[in-house]
Amino acid sequence: MRTRRKLFTAAAALTAVPLVLAGCSGGGGASGGDPSTITILDYYNNEPDKGLVQDLLDQCAAELDLTIERESVPGKDLIQKVLQRASSKTLPDVLMLDNPDVQEIAASGALAPLSDFDVDTSGYIDGIIEAATYEGEVYGLAPAVNTLGLFYNVDTLEAAGIAPPTTWAELKDAAASLTVGDQYGMAFSAIATYEGSWQFLPFMWTNGGDETDLQTPENAEALQLWVDLVDSGSASQSVINWSQGDVKDQFAAGKAAMMVNGPWNIPALNETDVNWASVQLPVNEAGQTPVAPLGGEVWTVPQTGDAEKQANAAKFVECMGSDDIALQAGETRFTVPTRTDVIPEFTEKMPDMAAFADQVVNARSRTGKLGEEWPTQATVIYNAIQLALTGKATPDVAFEQAAQG
């Protein structure tokens, strides 16, 4: 999945939300008084995701005998739209949020905990429940999620007699051997946005690093890996400017033999002539468990003040988290079901997604430890990466220097 930029305009705006919501009364929700009609707000405004998600929504609407009125906005506009709706007492009945945003919106008082409606939140992978939890309450469910893995060009590696790397040492050796002509051995996104932080987290977390204390040997060692790949010429110096989409384009064009990226790129890759495969991301030492960040969206129930409509919205969210919806979302959108009992069936049907399914089981929420403070540390991370890769700081001092601004 795609990571999402921090979209909150001001802390003051968020803290004002609970005061606004306190004035909501029985007519809450943008759709008015009919309890069988619920409004939905999401950011799936582009095809094919918009249509694929519409199919899921329509199934739940039919199952629950509800009418839905859906609005989709660009991702960059969603949180501002939520704040505006809160101030005008027209919050939607069902709100989709990028999972790192859930805790911050829950903290504002804008969401109802699912326990208010006796929604069963058991049976999901730990990471997504952690992402949707604030102060001990679960605020939403996600049918399917994504994470990162290592894509590689099968033909290129086989021709070079190189197996997909499983450790950092193997990764560096393979990347060096595969760097030939205008082809780099390795590509990743080290851009100065949350995408750069998102792509670095698997290396940081797998090595025992932690976002609560960035100035550690474990984090420096992970950053040194990226520095080594760039300084050796095995990865392009342009990684500091590449988005994940740019990385995919480099790989698809045969200019990178391996890349760090997510399964949302699979449909585009399948339209190319590249014979690709994927594995979990390499670890520093053999035996370590690869830990990657969890991407994906969570469906929540806003505090509209209309008890009957909220109850129907909660049923809708529960339906969106069901086994059938999770499996269909995984198959059609190249995401991984969050229901642990569905994952084996999913990987049997979608063998190309097996590595990502394995990765998701141990994936972590970005907000699990820091909650609302995650964006601050994410900014330090991508600034530290930029300092190190441009030679302005060594990995052992980059995080400290980045934290100082």
Protein backbone atom coordinates (compact mmCIF):
# COMPACT_ATOMS: atom_id res chain seq x y z
CA MET A 1 0.00 0.00 0.00
CA ARG A 2 0.63 3.09 -0.56
CA THR A 3 1.58 5.28 2.30
CA ARG A 4 -0.29 8.47 2.91
CA ARG A 5 1.13 11.88 3.66
CA LYS A 6 0.18 13.54 6.94
CA LEU A 7 -2.99 15.39 6.15
CA PHE A 8 -3.91 17.15 9.35
CA THR A 9 -3.92 20.91 8.94
CA ALA A 10 -3.46 21.94 12.56
CA ALA A 11 -3.56 20.40 16.00
CA ALA A 12 -6.02 23.06 17.05
CA ALA A 13 -8.49 21.93 14.43
CA LEU A 14 -8.42 18.38 15.77
CA THR A 15 -8.81 19.35 19.39
CA ALA A 16 -11.84 21.38 18.44
CA VAL A 17 -13.63 18.40 16.93
CA PRO A 18 -14.95 16.86 20.19
CA LEU A 19 -16.53 20.19 21.14
CA VAL A 20 -18.33 20.33 17.82
CA LEU A 21 -19.46 16.73 18.06
CA ALA A 22 -20.90 17.27 21.49
CA GLY A 23 -23.62 19.33 19.86
CA CYS A 24 -24.70 16.58 17.45
CA SER A 25 -28.21 15.28 17.88
CA GLY A 26 -30.54 12.65 16.50
CA GLY A 27 -30.47 13.84 12.91
CA GLY A 28 -26.71 13.30 12.54
CA GLY A 29 -25.06 11.93 9.42
CA ALA A 30 -24.93 13.48 5.99
CA SER A 31 -27.82 11.38 4.67
CA GLY A 32 -30.52 12.74 6.96
CA GLY A 33 -33.02 10.79 9.00
CA ASP A 34 -33.64 7.56 7.06
CA PRO A 35 -31.81 4.89 9.12
CA SER A 36 -31.72 2.47 6.17
CA THR A 37 -29.66 4.91 4.11
CA ILE A 38 -26.06 5.38 5.17
CA THR A 39 -23.44 7.70 3.76
CA ILE A 40 -19.87 6.59 3.10
CA LEU A 41 -16.72 8.67 2.64
CA ASP A 42 -13.46 7.20 1.29
CA TYR A 43 -10.46 8.14 -0.83
CA TYR A 44 -10.71 5.46 -3.52
CA ASN A 45 -11.38 8.05 -6.21
CA ASN A 46 -9.38 6.44 -9.02
CA GLU A 47 -10.03 3.32 -11.08
CA PRO A 48 -9.74 0.43 -10.78
CA ASP A 49 -9.87 0.75 -6.98
CA LYS A 50 -12.99 2.90 -7.00
CA GLY A 51 -15.03 0.31 -8.89
CA LEU A 52 -13.55 -2.68 -7.06
CA VAL A 53 -14.38 -1.16 -3.69
CA GLN A 54 -17.85 -0.22 -4.92
CA ASP A 55 -18.49 -3.92 -5.58
CA LEU A 56 -17.58 -4.71 -1.95
CA LEU A 57 -19.77 -1.91 -0.62
CA ASP A 58 -22.70 -3.01 -2.77
CA GLN A 59 -22.45 -6.56 -1.44
CA CYS A 60 -22.65 -5.43 2.16
CA ALA A 61 -25.49 -3.04 1.36
CA ALA A 62 -27.47 -5.87 -0.23
CA GLU A 63 -26.73 -8.26 2.62
CA LEU A 64 -27.91 -5.74 5.22
CA ASP A 65 -30.78 -4.33 3.14
CA LEU A 66 -29.29 -0.85 3.29
CA THR A 67 -29.00 1.93 0.74
CA ILE A 68 -25.61 3.59 0.47
CA GLU A 69 -24.64 7.05 -0.70
CA ARG A 70 -20.93 7.15 -1.39
CA GLU A 71 -18.51 10.03 -1.80
CA SER A 72 -14.89 9.47 -2.85
CA VAL A 73 -12.31 12.25 -2.58
CA PRO A 74 -8.58 12.44 -3.30
CA GLY A 75 -6.47 11.09 -0.44
CA LYS A 76 -4.88 14.47 0.23
CA ASP A 77 -8.32 15.98 0.84
CA LEU A 78 -9.87 13.35 3.10
CA ILE A 79 -8.87 14.57 6.56
CA GLN A 80 -9.71 18.19 5.81
CA LYS A 81 -13.09 16.96 4.57
CA VAL A 82 -13.59 15.08 7.85
CA LEU A 83 -12.84 18.21 9.88
CA GLN A 84 -15.21 20.28 7.77
CA ARG A 85 -17.95 17.68 8.14
CA ALA A 86 -17.41 17.59 11.89
CA SER A 87 -17.80 21.35 12.21
CA SER A 88 -20.98 21.33 10.11
CA LYS A 89 -22.41 18.26 11.89
CA THR A 90 -22.54 16.29 8.65
CA LEU A 91 -20.05 13.51 9.30
CA PRO A 92 -20.66 10.43 7.14
CA ASP A 93 -22.13 7.34 8.71
CA VAL A 94 -19.16 5.21 7.61
CA LEU A 95 -15.69 6.69 7.24
CA MET A 96 -12.67 5.02 5.67
CA LEU A 97 -9.27 6.09 7.03
CA ASP A 98 -5.70 5.21 6.18
CA ASN A 99 -4.63 3.06 9.14
CA PRO A 100 -1.94 5.48 10.48
CA ASP A 101 -4.63 8.17 10.77
CA VAL A 102 -7.09 6.18 12.88
CA GLN A 103 -5.59 6.88 16.29
CA GLU A 104 -5.34 10.61 15.67
CA ILE A 105 -8.96 10.87 14.55
CA ALA A 106 -10.11 8.61 17.40
CA ALA A 107 -8.26 10.87 19.84
CA SER A 108 -10.26 13.82 18.52
CA GLY A 109 -13.52 12.17 19.62
CA ALA A 110 -14.82 11.85 16.06
CA LEU A 111 -15.17 8.03 16.09
CA ALA A 112 -17.30 5.57 18.03
CA PRO A 113 -15.56 2.50 19.52
CA LEU A 114 -16.84 -0.72 17.98
CA SER A 115 -17.47 -2.14 21.44
CA ASP A 116 -20.45 0.23 21.64
CA PHE A 117 -22.10 -1.98 19.03
CA ASP A 118 -20.80 -5.39 20.16
CA VAL A 119 -18.79 -5.80 16.95
CA ASP A 120 -16.56 -8.88 17.08
CA THR A 121 -12.95 -7.82 16.48
CA SER A 122 -11.35 -11.24 17.04
CA GLY A 123 -9.69 -13.32 14.34
CA TYR A 124 -7.74 -10.50 12.67
CA ILE A 125 -3.97 -10.16 12.33
CA ASP A 126 -2.50 -8.33 15.30
CA GLY A 127 -1.05 -5.45 13.32
CA ILE A 128 -4.32 -4.12 11.96
CA ILE A 129 -6.09 -4.34 15.30
CA GLU A 130 -3.17 -2.49 16.85
CA ALA A 131 -3.46 0.21 14.19
CA ALA A 132 -7.18 0.64 14.82
CA THR A 133 -6.89 0.73 18.63
CA TYR A 134 -6.79 3.89 20.73
CA GLU A 135 -6.69 3.80 24.53
CA GLY A 136 -7.79 0.18 24.59
CA GLU A 137 -10.75 0.54 22.23
CA VAL A 138 -10.91 -0.75 18.65
CA TYR A 139 -12.35 1.85 16.26
CA GLY A 140 -12.42 0.09 12.91
CA LEU A 141 -11.89 -2.99 10.76
CA ALA A 142 -9.97 -3.57 7.54
CA PRO A 143 -10.87 -6.35 5.11
CA ALA A 144 -7.41 -6.49 3.54
CA VAL A 145 -4.03 -4.79 3.87
CA ASN A 146 -0.65 -4.57 2.20
CA THR A 147 3.02 -4.41 3.07
CA LEU A 148 6.44 -4.45 1.40
CA GLY A 149 8.51 -7.23 -0.14
CA LEU A 150 11.46 -7.77 -2.45
CA PHE A 151 10.61 -8.08 -6.14
CA TYR A 152 13.22 -9.54 -8.45
CA ASN A 153 13.63 -10.19 -12.17
CA VAL A 154 13.62 -13.97 -12.42
CA ASP A 155 15.38 -14.14 -15.77
CA THR A 156 18.09 -11.70 -14.74
CA LEU A 157 18.92 -13.50 -11.50
CA GLU A 158 18.83 -16.93 -13.11
CA ALA A 159 21.14 -15.81 -15.92
CA ALA A 160 23.60 -14.56 -13.31
CA GLY A 161 23.26 -17.71 -11.22
CA ILE A 162 22.05 -15.72 -8.24
CA ALA A 163 19.38 -16.87 -5.79
CA PRO A 164 17.00 -14.31 -4.27
CA PRO A 165 18.87 -12.84 -1.29
CA THR A 166 17.71 -13.67 2.22
CA THR A 167 20.28 -11.69 4.24
CA TRP A 168 21.75 -8.21 3.94
CA ALA A 169 25.15 -9.64 3.00
CA GLU A 170 23.56 -11.67 0.22
CA LEU A 171 21.60 -8.60 -0.86
CA LYS A 172 24.73 -6.48 -1.20
CA ASP A 173 26.59 -9.23 -3.05
CA ALA A 174 23.68 -9.87 -5.39
CA ALA A 175 23.08 -6.17 -6.05
CA ALA A 176 26.76 -5.65 -6.87
CA SER A 177 26.84 -8.60 -9.27
CA LEU A 178 23.61 -7.52 -10.98
CA THR A 179 24.76 -3.94 -11.56
CA VAL A 180 25.71 -4.03 -15.23
CA GLY A 181 25.56 -1.26 -17.83
CA ASP A 182 22.49 0.89 -17.18
CA GLN A 183 21.00 -1.74 -14.87
CA TYR A 184 21.32 -1.29 -11.11
CA GLY A 185 21.16 -4.30 -8.88
CA MET A 186 18.77 -2.73 -6.40
CA ALA A 187 16.14 0.02 -6.28
CA PHE A 188 14.18 1.53 -3.40
CA SER A 189 12.49 4.79 -2.48
CA ALA A 190 14.46 7.06 -0.15
CA ILE A 191 12.46 10.17 -0.96
CA ALA A 192 11.99 12.85 1.71
CA THR A 193 8.36 11.94 2.39
CA TYR A 194 6.57 9.27 4.40
CA GLU A 195 7.20 6.90 1.49
CA GLY A 196 10.92 7.02 2.28
CA SER A 197 10.27 6.24 5.95
CA TRP A 198 7.81 3.46 5.03
CA GLN A 199 10.39 1.74 2.81
CA PHE A 200 13.12 1.99 5.45
CA LEU A 201 11.06 0.54 8.31
CA PRO A 202 11.49 -3.15 7.36
CA PHE A 203 15.26 -2.83 7.61
CA MET A 204 15.07 -0.82 10.82
CA TRP A 205 12.51 -3.00 12.57
CA THR A 206 13.94 -6.33 11.45
CA ASN A 207 17.31 -5.29 12.86
CA GLY A 208 15.78 -4.55 16.27
CA GLY A 209 15.51 -0.81 15.73
CA ASP A 210 12.65 1.15 17.19
CA GLU A 211 10.89 4.41 16.45
CA THR A 212 10.70 5.32 20.13
CA ASP A 213 14.49 5.78 20.16
CA LEU A 214 15.98 6.44 16.75
CA GLN A 215 19.53 7.09 17.91
CA THR A 216 20.57 3.46 18.33
CA PRO A 217 23.22 1.20 16.77
CA GLU A 218 20.47 -0.98 15.28
CA ASN A 219 18.95 1.92 13.36
CA ALA A 220 22.38 3.19 12.27
CA GLU A 221 23.28 -0.27 11.00
CA ALA A 222 20.12 -0.42 8.90
CA LEU A 223 20.82 3.01 7.46
CA GLN A 224 24.40 1.96 6.72
CA LEU A 225 23.01 -0.81 4.50
CA TRP A 226 21.27 1.76 2.29
CA VAL A 227 24.36 3.97 2.27
CA ASP A 228 26.51 1.00 1.23
CA LEU A 229 24.16 0.12 -1.64
CA VAL A 230 24.25 3.67 -2.99
CA ASP A 231 27.93 4.39 -2.37
CA SER A 232 28.95 1.12 -4.05
CA GLY A 233 26.92 1.99 -7.13
CA SER A 234 24.59 -0.98 -6.64
CA ALA A 235 21.68 1.45 -6.22
CA SER A 236 21.25 4.74 -8.02
CA GLN A 237 21.91 8.02 -6.22
CA SER A 238 18.50 9.02 -7.58
CA VAL A 239 16.77 6.89 -4.93
CA ILE A 240 16.62 10.07 -2.81
CA ASN A 241 14.14 11.46 -5.33
CA TRP A 242 12.26 8.33 -6.32
CA SER A 243 8.72 7.60 -5.19
CA GLN A 244 7.60 4.00 -5.03
CA GLY A 245 5.97 4.50 -8.41
CA ASP A 246 9.30 5.63 -9.83
CA VAL A 247 10.98 2.54 -8.38
CA LYS A 248 8.40 0.33 -10.07
CA ASP A 249 9.03 2.10 -13.36
CA GLN A 250 12.78 1.50 -13.07
CA PHE A 251 12.21 -2.19 -12.40
CA ALA A 252 9.66 -2.54 -15.20
CA ALA A 253 12.06 -0.86 -17.64
CA GLY A 254 14.84 -3.33 -16.81
CA LYS A 255 16.93 -0.68 -15.08
CA ALA A 256 16.81 -2.45 -11.72
CA ALA A 257 17.14 -6.19 -11.11
CA MET A 258 15.53 -6.04 -7.66
CA MET A 259 13.33 -3.57 -5.84
CA VAL A 260 11.59 -2.92 -2.54
CA ASN A 261 7.90 -2.38 -3.25
CA GLY A 262 4.35 -3.45 -2.56
CA PRO A 263 1.76 -5.72 -4.20
CA TRP A 264 -0.30 -2.81 -5.51
CA ASN A 265 2.25 -2.76 -8.36
CA ILE A 266 1.46 -6.31 -9.47
CA PRO A 267 -1.28 -5.39 -11.98
CA ALA A 268 1.08 -2.95 -13.73
CA LEU A 269 3.95 -5.44 -13.69
CA ASN A 270 1.74 -8.12 -15.17
CA GLU A 271 1.18 -5.86 -18.17
CA THR A 272 4.93 -5.83 -18.90
CA ASP A 273 7.25 -8.50 -20.28
CA VAL A 274 9.15 -8.72 -16.99
CA ASN A 275 9.26 -12.22 -15.51
CA TRP A 276 9.07 -11.23 -11.87
CA ALA A 277 8.72 -12.94 -8.52
CA SER A 278 8.79 -11.78 -4.92
CA VAL A 279 10.13 -12.88 -1.55
CA GLN A 280 10.11 -11.48 1.94
CA LEU A 281 12.64 -8.73 2.58
CA PRO A 282 16.15 -9.87 3.57
CA VAL A 283 17.20 -9.81 7.23
CA ASN A 284 20.52 -8.75 8.70
CA GLU A 285 21.31 -12.10 10.32
CA ALA A 286 19.93 -15.48 9.30
CA GLY A 287 17.15 -16.51 11.65
CA GLN A 288 15.72 -13.05 12.20
CA THR A 289 12.03 -12.53 11.47
CA PRO A 290 11.43 -9.94 8.74
CA VAL A 291 9.17 -7.22 10.10
CA ALA A 292 7.56 -4.76 7.68
CA PRO A 293 5.04 -1.95 8.11
CA LEU A 294 1.35 -2.53 7.60
CA GLY A 295 -0.45 -0.55 4.92
CA GLY A 296 -4.13 -0.37 4.18
CA GLU A 297 -7.37 1.30 5.15
CA VAL A 298 -9.77 0.93 8.06
CA TRP A 299 -13.54 1.35 8.01
CA THR A 300 -14.89 3.26 11.02
CA VAL A 301 -18.14 4.56 12.53
CA PRO A 302 -18.14 8.33 13.16
CA GLN A 303 -19.98 9.93 16.06
CA THR A 304 -23.00 11.38 14.27
CA GLY A 305 -25.40 11.47 17.20
CA ASP A 306 -27.95 9.24 15.44
CA ALA A 307 -28.02 5.98 17.39
CA GLU A 308 -30.02 3.97 14.85
CA LYS A 309 -27.90 5.01 11.90
CA GLN A 310 -24.71 4.38 13.87
CA ALA A 311 -25.92 0.88 14.67
CA ASN A 312 -26.49 0.21 10.96
CA ALA A 313 -23.12 1.72 10.15
CA ALA A 314 -21.48 -0.61 12.66
CA LYS A 315 -23.14 -3.61 11.00
CA PHE A 316 -21.82 -2.35 7.70
CA VAL A 317 -18.27 -2.06 9.04
CA GLU A 318 -18.57 -5.57 10.47
CA CYS A 319 -19.66 -6.84 7.06
CA MET A 320 -16.68 -5.12 5.42
CA GLY A 321 -14.44 -7.10 7.75
CA SER A 322 -16.07 -10.46 6.99
CA ASP A 323 -14.31 -13.46 5.48
CA ASP A 324 -16.02 -13.20 2.09
CA ILE A 325 -15.28 -9.51 1.67
CA ALA A 326 -11.70 -9.99 2.87
CA LEU A 327 -11.09 -12.75 0.33
CA GLN A 328 -12.61 -10.81 -2.55
CA ALA A 329 -10.71 -7.65 -1.61
CA GLY A 330 -7.49 -9.65 -1.55
CA GLU A 331 -8.07 -11.29 -4.91
CA THR A 332 -9.29 -8.24 -6.82
CA ARG A 333 -7.05 -5.55 -5.33
CA PHE A 334 -3.86 -7.58 -4.73
CA THR A 335 -4.03 -7.06 -0.98
CA VAL A 336 -3.80 -9.59 1.85
CA PRO A 337 -6.89 -10.54 3.89
CA THR A 338 -6.68 -9.52 7.54
CA ARG A 339 -8.70 -12.53 8.69
CA THR A 340 -6.14 -15.13 9.71
CA ASP A 341 -8.44 -18.03 8.80
CA VAL A 342 -8.78 -16.71 5.24
CA ILE A 343 -5.08 -16.27 4.47
CA PRO A 344 -4.35 -19.96 3.61
CA GLU A 345 -7.21 -20.08 1.11
CA PHE A 346 -6.09 -16.74 -0.31
CA THR A 347 -2.49 -17.80 -0.91
CA GLU A 348 -3.66 -21.00 -2.55
CA LYS A 349 -5.69 -18.94 -5.02
CA MET A 350 -3.07 -16.18 -5.35
CA PRO A 351 0.39 -17.82 -5.17
CA ASP A 352 2.06 -14.62 -6.41
CA MET A 353 0.92 -13.00 -3.15
CA ALA A 354 2.38 -15.68 -0.86
CA ALA A 355 5.45 -13.66 0.16
CA PHE A 356 3.30 -10.67 1.07
CA ALA A 357 0.89 -12.85 3.02
CA ASP A 358 3.81 -14.25 5.01
CA GLN A 359 5.11 -10.72 5.56
CA VAL A 360 1.72 -9.38 6.70
CA VAL A 361 1.42 -11.90 9.53
CA ASN A 362 4.38 -10.27 11.28
CA ALA A 363 3.79 -6.74 9.98
CA ARG A 364 3.58 -3.87 12.45
CA SER A 365 1.43 -0.81 12.69
CA ARG A 366 3.32 2.45 12.31
CA THR A 367 1.27 4.03 15.09
CA GLY A 368 1.33 1.01 17.42
CA LYS A 369 3.96 2.44 19.78
CA LEU A 370 3.79 6.18 19.21
CA GLY A 371 0.15 6.72 18.34
CA GLU A 372 -0.43 10.34 17.40
CA GLU A 373 3.31 11.09 17.63
CA TRP A 374 4.26 8.77 14.76
CA PRO A 375 4.34 11.50 12.04
CA THR A 376 7.00 13.42 13.97
CA GLN A 377 9.34 10.44 14.08
CA ALA A 378 8.55 9.49 10.49
CA THR A 379 9.77 12.93 9.47
CA VAL A 380 13.00 12.46 11.43
CA ILE A 381 13.51 9.09 9.72
CA TYR A 382 13.23 10.34 6.15
CA ASN A 383 15.35 13.40 6.91
CA ALA A 384 18.03 11.16 8.42
CA ILE A 385 17.97 8.98 5.32
CA GLN A 386 18.45 12.04 3.13
CA LEU A 387 21.37 13.27 5.25
CA ALA A 388 23.12 9.91 5.11
CA LEU A 389 22.60 9.19 1.42
CA THR A 390 23.79 12.64 0.40
CA GLY A 391 26.90 12.35 2.58
CA LYS A 392 25.90 15.18 4.92
CA ALA A 393 25.96 12.91 7.97
CA THR A 394 27.18 9.41 8.78
CA PRO A 395 24.52 6.85 9.73
CA ASP A 396 25.60 6.91 13.40
CA VAL A 397 24.76 10.63 13.75
CA ALA A 398 22.14 11.11 11.01
CA PHE A 399 19.12 10.49 13.25
CA GLU A 400 20.42 12.85 15.93
CA GLN A 401 21.13 15.54 13.36
CA ALA A 402 17.73 15.08 11.71
CA ALA A 403 15.95 15.37 15.07
CA GLN A 404 17.60 18.76 15.62
CA GLY A 405 15.99 20.09 12.46
